[in-house]
Amino acid sequence: MLISSAQCRAARAALNMTQEELAGLAGLSRTMVVDFERGLRAPLTVSLNALQDALENAGAQFPRRQGKLAGVFFSDSDAR
């Protein structure tokens, strides 16, 4: 399962990360991140994987419930 736009926004905000920073870490354009977070674009799977990987590498964790991603959390040492 891949992250939702709400999970992306929440993780990025909790990490105190700008859309520009996330885009750079994921190797994507800022416009793509903005459009995804606003629900204006459904990115390709490869782009969603890049966003999720960038957020996870920064400390976000996306738990699964019944096979689906459910929320986002951080360990105390990962939060900025």
PDB file of N, CA and C in Angstrom:
ATOM      1  N   MET A   1       0.847  -1.185   0.000  1.00  0.00           N
ATOM      2  CA  MET A   1       0.000   0.000   0.000  1.00  0.00           C
ATOM      3  C   MET A   1       0.885   1.239   0.000  1.00  0.00           C
ATOM      4  N   LEU A   2       0.379   2.271  -0.589  1.00  0.00           N
ATOM      5  CA  LEU A   2       1.118   3.514  -0.692  1.00  0.00           C
ATOM      6  C   LEU A   2       0.445   4.608   0.132  1.00  0.00           C
ATOM      7  N   ILE A   3       1.215   5.623   0.478  1.00  0.00           N
ATOM      8  CA  ILE A   3       0.697   6.696   1.323  1.00  0.00           C
ATOM      9  C   ILE A   3      -0.383   7.504   0.609  1.00  0.00           C
ATOM     10  N   SER A   4      -1.249   8.092   1.420  1.00  0.00           N
ATOM     11  CA  SER A   4      -2.291   8.989   0.907  1.00  0.00           C
ATOM     12  C   SER A   4      -1.775  10.420   0.966  1.00  0.00           C
ATOM     13  N   SER A   5      -2.488  11.317   0.349  1.00  0.00           N
ATOM     14  CA  SER A   5      -2.090  12.726   0.389  1.00  0.00           C
ATOM     15  C   SER A   5      -2.133  13.253   1.828  1.00  0.00           C
ATOM     16  N   ALA A   6      -3.111  12.806   2.614  1.00  0.00           N
ATOM     17  CA  ALA A   6      -3.210  13.244   4.013  1.00  0.00           C
ATOM     18  C   ALA A   6      -2.024  12.737   4.829  1.00  0.00           C
ATOM     19  N   GLN A   7      -1.618  11.494   4.600  1.00  0.00           N
ATOM     20  CA  GLN A   7      -0.452  10.961   5.307  1.00  0.00           C
ATOM     21  C   GLN A   7       0.816  11.713   4.907  1.00  0.00           C
ATOM     22  N   CYS A   8       0.925  12.051   3.658  1.00  0.00           N
ATOM     23  CA  CYS A   8       2.082  12.800   3.178  1.00  0.00           C
ATOM     24  C   CYS A   8       2.153  14.160   3.869  1.00  0.00           C
ATOM     25  N   ARG A   9       1.038  14.876   3.878  1.00  0.00           N
ATOM     26  CA  ARG A   9       0.989  16.202   4.534  1.00  0.00           C
ATOM     27  C   ARG A   9       1.335  16.087   6.012  1.00  0.00           C
ATOM     28  N   ALA A  10       0.729  15.101   6.690  1.00  0.00           N
ATOM     29  CA  ALA A  10       0.940  14.947   8.128  1.00  0.00           C
ATOM     30  C   ALA A  10       2.393  14.608   8.449  1.00  0.00           C
ATOM     31  N   ALA A  11       2.951  13.677   7.708  1.00  0.00           N
ATOM     32  CA  ALA A  11       4.341  13.286   7.953  1.00  0.00           C
ATOM     33  C   ALA A  11       5.286  14.439   7.677  1.00  0.00           C
ATOM     34  N   ARG A  12       5.075  15.117   6.586  1.00  0.00           N
ATOM     35  CA  ARG A  12       5.943  16.238   6.221  1.00  0.00           C
ATOM     36  C   ARG A  12       5.867  17.340   7.263  1.00  0.00           C
ATOM     37  N   ALA A  13       4.660  17.640   7.724  1.00  0.00           N
ATOM     38  CA  ALA A  13       4.487  18.691   8.739  1.00  0.00           C
ATOM     39  C   ALA A  13       5.150  18.284  10.055  1.00  0.00           C
ATOM     40  N   ALA A  14       4.962  17.040  10.473  1.00  0.00           N
ATOM     41  CA  ALA A  14       5.552  16.581  11.729  1.00  0.00           C
ATOM     42  C   ALA A  14       7.071  16.585  11.672  1.00  0.00           C
ATOM     43  N   LEU A  15       7.616  16.378  10.486  1.00  0.00           N
ATOM     44  CA  LEU A  15       9.065  16.403  10.306  1.00  0.00           C
ATOM     45  C   LEU A  15       9.594  17.818  10.072  1.00  0.00           C
ATOM     46  N   ASN A  16       8.673  18.791  10.072  1.00  0.00           N
ATOM     47  CA  ASN A  16       9.052  20.190   9.833  1.00  0.00           C
ATOM     48  C   ASN A  16       9.793  20.322   8.509  1.00  0.00           C
ATOM     49  N   MET A  17       9.236  19.695   7.491  1.00  0.00           N
ATOM     50  CA  MET A  17       9.848  19.634   6.174  1.00  0.00           C
ATOM     51  C   MET A  17       8.995  20.415   5.181  1.00  0.00           C
ATOM     52  N   THR A  18       9.609  21.224   4.366  1.00  0.00           N
ATOM     53  CA  THR A  18       8.873  21.957   3.348  1.00  0.00           C
ATOM     54  C   THR A  18       8.555  21.036   2.170  1.00  0.00           C
ATOM     55  N   GLN A  19       7.620  21.461   1.355  1.00  0.00           N
ATOM     56  CA  GLN A  19       7.313  20.705   0.145  1.00  0.00           C
ATOM     57  C   GLN A  19       8.533  20.660  -0.769  1.00  0.00           C
ATOM     58  N   GLU A  20       9.276  21.742  -0.816  1.00  0.00           N
ATOM     59  CA  GLU A  20      10.493  21.803  -1.624  1.00  0.00           C
ATOM     60  C   GLU A  20      11.526  20.783  -1.131  1.00  0.00           C
ATOM     61  N   GLU A  21      11.682  20.696   0.190  1.00  0.00           N
ATOM     62  CA  GLU A  21      12.634  19.724   0.750  1.00  0.00           C
ATOM     63  C   GLU A  21      12.217  18.291   0.441  1.00  0.00           C
ATOM     64  N   LEU A  22      10.932  17.999   0.612  1.00  0.00           N
ATOM     65  CA  LEU A  22      10.445  16.655   0.319  1.00  0.00           C
ATOM     66  C   LEU A  22      10.643  16.328  -1.155  1.00  0.00           C
ATOM     67  N   ALA A  23      10.312  17.261  -2.005  1.00  0.00           N
ATOM     68  CA  ALA A  23      10.480  17.042  -3.443  1.00  0.00           C
ATOM     69  C   ALA A  23      11.939  16.726  -3.767  1.00  0.00           C
ATOM     70  N   GLY A  24      12.856  17.477  -3.186  1.00  0.00           N
ATOM     71  CA  GLY A  24      14.274  17.246  -3.431  1.00  0.00           C
ATOM     72  C   GLY A  24      14.725  15.878  -2.948  1.00  0.00           C
ATOM     73  N   LEU A  25      14.288  15.491  -1.752  1.00  0.00           N
ATOM     74  CA  LEU A  25      14.660  14.185  -1.201  1.00  0.00           C
ATOM     75  C   LEU A  25      14.089  13.033  -2.030  1.00  0.00           C
ATOM     76  N   ALA A  26      12.908  13.265  -2.602  1.00  0.00           N
ATOM     77  CA  ALA A  26      12.244  12.219  -3.391  1.00  0.00           C
ATOM     78  C   ALA A  26      12.640  12.257  -4.860  1.00  0.00           C
ATOM     79  N   GLY A  27      13.365  13.302  -5.271  1.00  0.00           N
ATOM     80  CA  GLY A  27      13.746  13.418  -6.678  1.00  0.00           C
ATOM     81  C   GLY A  27      12.576  13.772  -7.577  1.00  0.00           C
ATOM     82  N   LEU A  28      11.636  14.539  -7.028  1.00  0.00           N
ATOM     83  CA  LEU A  28      10.430  14.931  -7.759  1.00  0.00           C
ATOM     84  C   LEU A  28      10.313  16.451  -7.787  1.00  0.00           C
ATOM     85  N   SER A  29       9.389  16.949  -8.569  1.00  0.00           N
ATOM     86  CA  SER A  29       9.177  18.396  -8.618  1.00  0.00           C
ATOM     87  C   SER A  29       8.307  18.844  -7.443  1.00  0.00           C
ATOM     88  N   ARG A  30       8.506  20.086  -7.012  1.00  0.00           N
ATOM     89  CA  ARG A  30       7.679  20.647  -5.949  1.00  0.00           C
ATOM     90  C   ARG A  30       6.217  20.680  -6.396  1.00  0.00           C
ATOM     91  N   THR A  31       5.985  20.980  -7.652  1.00  0.00           N
ATOM     92  CA  THR A  31       4.618  21.025  -8.186  1.00  0.00           C
ATOM     93  C   THR A  31       3.914  19.686  -8.012  1.00  0.00           C
ATOM     94  N   MET A  32       4.636  18.597  -8.233  1.00  0.00           N
ATOM     95  CA  MET A  32       4.036  17.277  -8.064  1.00  0.00           C
ATOM     96  C   MET A  32       3.629  17.053  -6.610  1.00  0.00           C
ATOM     97  N   VAL A  33       4.502  17.454  -5.667  1.00  0.00           N
ATOM     98  CA  VAL A  33       4.191  17.295  -4.242  1.00  0.00           C
ATOM     99  C   VAL A  33       2.977  18.153  -3.872  1.00  0.00           C
ATOM    100  N   VAL A  34       2.967  19.410  -4.305  1.00  0.00           N
ATOM    101  CA  VAL A  34       1.851  20.316  -4.007  1.00  0.00           C
ATOM    102  C   VAL A  34       0.542  19.742  -4.568  1.00  0.00           C
ATOM    103  N   ASP A  35       0.564  19.334  -5.823  1.00  0.00           N
ATOM    104  CA  ASP A  35      -0.653  18.807  -6.450  1.00  0.00           C
ATOM    105  C   ASP A  35      -1.132  17.524  -5.765  1.00  0.00           C
ATOM    106  N   PHE A  36      -0.205  16.653  -5.377  1.00  0.00           N
ATOM    107  CA  PHE A  36      -0.580  15.423  -4.684  1.00  0.00           C
ATOM    108  C   PHE A  36      -1.205  15.743  -3.340  1.00  0.00           C
ATOM    109  N   GLU A  37      -0.558  16.620  -2.562  1.00  0.00           N
ATOM    110  CA  GLU A  37      -1.083  16.947  -1.240  1.00  0.00           C
ATOM    111  C   GLU A  37      -2.440  17.636  -1.313  1.00  0.00           C
ATOM    112  N   ARG A  38      -2.712  18.349  -2.375  1.00  0.00           N
ATOM    113  CA  ARG A  38      -4.015  19.012  -2.564  1.00  0.00           C
ATOM    114  C   ARG A  38      -5.058  18.083  -3.160  1.00  0.00           C
ATOM    115  N   GLY A  39      -4.654  16.901  -3.566  1.00  0.00           N
ATOM    116  CA  GLY A  39      -5.586  15.958  -4.181  1.00  0.00           C
ATOM    117  C   GLY A  39      -5.869  16.258  -5.637  1.00  0.00           C
ATOM    118  N   LEU A  40      -4.983  17.020  -6.277  1.00  0.00           N
ATOM    119  CA  LEU A  40      -5.177  17.395  -7.672  1.00  0.00           C
ATOM    120  C   LEU A  40      -4.515  16.435  -8.646  1.00  0.00           C
ATOM    121  N   ARG A  41      -3.651  15.573  -8.121  1.00  0.00           N
ATOM    122  CA  ARG A  41      -2.912  14.661  -8.978  1.00  0.00           C
ATOM    123  C   ARG A  41      -2.751  13.324  -8.276  1.00  0.00           C
ATOM    124  N   ALA A  42      -2.907  12.276  -9.051  1.00  0.00           N
ATOM    125  CA  ALA A  42      -2.622  10.927  -8.555  1.00  0.00           C
ATOM    126  C   ALA A  42      -1.289  10.519  -9.175  1.00  0.00           C
ATOM    127  N   PRO A  43      -0.203  10.636  -8.412  1.00  0.00           N
ATOM    128  CA  PRO A  43       1.119  10.339  -8.963  1.00  0.00           C
ATOM    129  C   PRO A  43       1.263   8.871  -9.367  1.00  0.00           C
ATOM    130  N   LEU A  44       2.213   8.626 -10.234  1.00  0.00           N
ATOM    131  CA  LEU A  44       2.553   7.259 -10.591  1.00  0.00           C
ATOM    132  C   LEU A  44       3.055   6.529  -9.351  1.00  0.00           C
ATOM    133  N   THR A  45       2.936   5.221  -9.355  1.00  0.00           N
ATOM    134  CA  THR A  45       3.386   4.410  -8.231  1.00  0.00           C
ATOM    135  C   THR A  45       4.843   4.675  -7.891  1.00  0.00           C
ATOM    136  N   VAL A  46       5.676   4.832  -8.894  1.00  0.00           N
ATOM    137  CA  VAL A  46       7.099   5.087  -8.649  1.00  0.00           C
ATOM    138  C   VAL A  46       7.292   6.407  -7.896  1.00  0.00           C
ATOM    139  N   SER A  47       6.482   7.404  -8.192  1.00  0.00           N
ATOM    140  CA  SER A  47       6.569   8.694  -7.494  1.00  0.00           C
ATOM    141  C   SER A  47       6.073   8.574  -6.061  1.00  0.00           C
ATOM    142  N   LEU A  48       4.995   7.838  -5.846  1.00  0.00           N
ATOM    143  CA  LEU A  48       4.490   7.621  -4.488  1.00  0.00           C
ATOM    144  C   LEU A  48       5.502   6.851  -3.651  1.00  0.00           C
ATOM    145  N   ASN A  49       6.135   5.866  -4.260  1.00  0.00           N
ATOM    146  CA  ASN A  49       7.180   5.123  -3.545  1.00  0.00           C
ATOM    147  C   ASN A  49       8.326   6.053  -3.163  1.00  0.00           C
ATOM    148  N   ALA A  50       8.701   6.957  -4.056  1.00  0.00           N
ATOM    149  CA  ALA A  50       9.792   7.894  -3.773  1.00  0.00           C
ATOM    150  C   ALA A  50       9.420   8.824  -2.621  1.00  0.00           C
ATOM    151  N   LEU A  51       8.174   9.302  -2.594  1.00  0.00           N
ATOM    152  CA  LEU A  51       7.715  10.157  -1.493  1.00  0.00           C
ATOM    153  C   LEU A  51       7.731   9.399  -0.177  1.00  0.00           C
ATOM    154  N   GLN A  52       7.172   8.193  -0.189  1.00  0.00           N
ATOM    155  CA  GLN A  52       7.110   7.395   1.030  1.00  0.00           C
ATOM    156  C   GLN A  52       8.519   7.062   1.520  1.00  0.00           C
ATOM    157  N   ASP A  53       9.401   6.676   0.621  1.00  0.00           N
ATOM    158  CA  ASP A  53      10.782   6.359   1.007  1.00  0.00           C
ATOM    159  C   ASP A  53      11.472   7.573   1.621  1.00  0.00           C
ATOM    160  N   ALA A  54      11.285   8.743   1.021  1.00  0.00           N
ATOM    161  CA  ALA A  54      11.910   9.968   1.537  1.00  0.00           C
ATOM    162  C   ALA A  54      11.404  10.281   2.939  1.00  0.00           C
ATOM    163  N   LEU A  55      10.109  10.144   3.159  1.00  0.00           N
ATOM    164  CA  LEU A  55       9.536  10.408   4.481  1.00  0.00           C
ATOM    165  C   LEU A  55       9.988   9.370   5.496  1.00  0.00           C
ATOM    166  N   GLU A  56      10.045   8.120   5.094  1.00  0.00           N
ATOM    167  CA  GLU A  56      10.496   7.065   6.009  1.00  0.00           C
ATOM    168  C   GLU A  56      11.975   7.242   6.353  1.00  0.00           C
ATOM    169  N   ASN A  57      12.782   7.636   5.386  1.00  0.00           N
ATOM    170  CA  ASN A  57      14.207   7.876   5.649  1.00  0.00           C
ATOM    171  C   ASN A  57      14.408   9.056   6.599  1.00  0.00           C
ATOM    172  N   ALA A  58      13.438   9.966   6.630  1.00  0.00           N
ATOM    173  CA  ALA A  58      13.506  11.122   7.531  1.00  0.00           C
ATOM    174  C   ALA A  58      12.929  10.806   8.910  1.00  0.00           C
ATOM    175  N   GLY A  59      12.332   9.614   9.090  1.00  0.00           N
ATOM    176  CA  GLY A  59      11.855   9.215  10.406  1.00  0.00           C
ATOM    177  C   GLY A  59      10.381   8.883  10.515  1.00  0.00           C
ATOM    178  N   ALA A  60       9.609   9.045   9.455  1.00  0.00           N
ATOM    179  CA  ALA A  60       8.183   8.707   9.509  1.00  0.00           C
ATOM    180  C   ALA A  60       8.012   7.194   9.413  1.00  0.00           C
ATOM    181  N   GLN A  61       6.983   6.702  10.064  1.00  0.00           N
ATOM    182  CA  GLN A  61       6.632   5.290   9.976  1.00  0.00           C
ATOM    183  C   GLN A  61       5.150   5.198   9.658  1.00  0.00           C
ATOM    184  N   PHE A  62       4.818   4.351   8.718  1.00  0.00           N
ATOM    185  CA  PHE A  62       3.431   4.201   8.282  1.00  0.00           C
ATOM    186  C   PHE A  62       2.946   2.798   8.651  1.00  0.00           C
ATOM    187  N   PRO A  63       2.205   2.682   9.768  1.00  0.00           N
ATOM    188  CA  PRO A  63       1.738   1.364  10.207  1.00  0.00           C
ATOM    189  C   PRO A  63       0.660   0.808   9.281  1.00  0.00           C
ATOM    190  N   ARG A  64       0.511  -0.477   9.308  1.00  0.00           N
ATOM    191  CA  ARG A  64      -0.515  -1.154   8.499  1.00  0.00           C
ATOM    192  C   ARG A  64      -1.572  -1.761   9.406  1.00  0.00           C
ATOM    193  N   ARG A  65      -2.803  -1.651   8.972  1.00  0.00           N
ATOM    194  CA  ARG A  65      -3.928  -2.315   9.640  1.00  0.00           C
ATOM    195  C   ARG A  65      -4.726  -3.028   8.577  1.00  0.00           C
ATOM    196  N   GLN A  66      -4.899  -4.293   8.750  1.00  0.00           N
ATOM    197  CA  GLN A  66      -5.641  -5.115   7.796  1.00  0.00           C
ATOM    198  C   GLN A  66      -5.102  -4.933   6.378  1.00  0.00           C
ATOM    199  N   GLY A  67      -3.770  -4.858   6.281  1.00  0.00           N
ATOM    200  CA  GLY A  67      -3.130  -4.769   4.974  1.00  0.00           C
ATOM    201  C   GLY A  67      -3.095  -3.387   4.360  1.00  0.00           C
ATOM    202  N   LYS A  68      -3.672  -2.388   5.042  1.00  0.00           N
ATOM    203  CA  LYS A  68      -3.690  -1.033   4.493  1.00  0.00           C
ATOM    204  C   LYS A  68      -2.890  -0.101   5.401  1.00  0.00           C
ATOM    205  N   LEU A  69      -2.299   0.924   4.814  1.00  0.00           N
ATOM    206  CA  LEU A  69      -1.604   1.917   5.626  1.00  0.00           C
ATOM    207  C   LEU A  69      -2.624   2.669   6.470  1.00  0.00           C
ATOM    208  N   ALA A  70      -2.263   2.894   7.727  1.00  0.00           N
ATOM    209  CA  ALA A  70      -3.194   3.537   8.661  1.00  0.00           C
ATOM    210  C   ALA A  70      -2.453   4.556   9.500  1.00  0.00           C
ATOM    211  N   GLY A  71      -2.492   5.799   9.103  1.00  0.00           N
ATOM    212  CA  GLY A  71      -1.873   6.859   9.883  1.00  0.00           C
ATOM    213  C   GLY A  71      -0.384   6.982   9.654  1.00  0.00           C
ATOM    214  N   VAL A  72       0.237   7.710  10.565  1.00  0.00           N
ATOM    215  CA  VAL A  72       1.686   7.932  10.522  1.00  0.00           C
ATOM    216  C   VAL A  72       2.153   8.174  11.944  1.00  0.00           C
ATOM    217  N   PHE A  73       3.327   7.674  12.288  1.00  0.00           N
ATOM    218  CA  PHE A  73       3.874   7.967  13.605  1.00  0.00           C
ATOM    219  C   PHE A  73       5.384   8.085  13.512  1.00  0.00           C
ATOM    220  N   PHE A  74       5.993   8.529  14.599  1.00  0.00           N
ATOM    221  CA  PHE A  74       7.426   8.793  14.653  1.00  0.00           C
ATOM    222  C   PHE A  74       7.942   8.322  15.991  1.00  0.00           C
ATOM    223  N   SER A  75       9.142   7.818  16.002  1.00  0.00           N
ATOM    224  CA  SER A  75       9.759   7.522  17.285  1.00  0.00           C
ATOM    225  C   SER A  75      10.276   8.855  17.832  1.00  0.00           C
ATOM    226  N   ASP A  76      10.400   8.963  19.150  1.00  0.00           N
ATOM    227  CA  ASP A  76      10.833  10.232  19.772  1.00  0.00           C
ATOM    228  C   ASP A  76      12.141  10.730  19.204  1.00  0.00           C
ATOM    229  N   SER A  77      13.045   9.838  18.893  1.00  0.00           N
ATOM    230  CA  SER A  77      14.351  10.255  18.409  1.00  0.00           C
ATOM    231  C   SER A  77      14.318  10.714  16.962  1.00  0.00           C
ATOM    232  N   ASP A  78      13.235  10.389  16.227  1.00  0.00           N
ATOM    233  CA  ASP A  78      13.161  10.755  14.817  1.00  0.00           C
ATOM    234  C   ASP A  78      12.535  12.127  14.588  1.00  0.00           C
ATOM    235  N   ALA A  79      11.722  12.589  15.493  1.00  0.00           N
ATOM    236  CA  ALA A  79      11.040  13.871  15.290  1.00  0.00           C
ATOM    237  C   ALA A  79      12.074  14.993  15.331  1.00  0.00           C
ATOM    238  N   ARG A  80      11.891  15.936  14.463  1.00  0.00           N
ATOM    239  CA  ARG A  80      12.844  17.057  14.406  1.00  0.00           C
ATOM    240  C   ARG A  80      12.546  18.055  15.484  1.00  0.00           C
TER     241      ARG A  80
END
